[in-house]
C-alpha cells in the first residue's frame, strides 16, 4: 500500500507544484530535474555499499551478482542521463 502511494500518488500530487532547486529537498518528486540529477550522483556511494553488502550477505553466485550489479548500474546511468536531458530541456525555456 505504501509503495502504491509513493509510486503512483506522489508524482500526481506534485506534478504542477513549484520544484525545489536550492536547499534541502526531502521529497524526490518536489525536486527540480537538476536536483534529481545531483541526488542520483550522491546516491552512488550508497549503491556501491548495497552492491558489496548484497554480494557478501546473499547466496548469489557470480553470474547473479554480475546481473544484479549490471541492472543497478544501467538504471542509475539511465536515470542520470534522463534527468540531465530534462534539466537542459527545461533550462532552454
Foldseek 3Di string as FASTA:
>chain_A
DVCCCLVPVVLVVLVPPAADDDDDDDRLSRHALVVQLVVLVVCVVVVVVVLVCCVPVDPDDPVVSVVVVVVVVVVSVVSNVVSVVRNVVVVVD
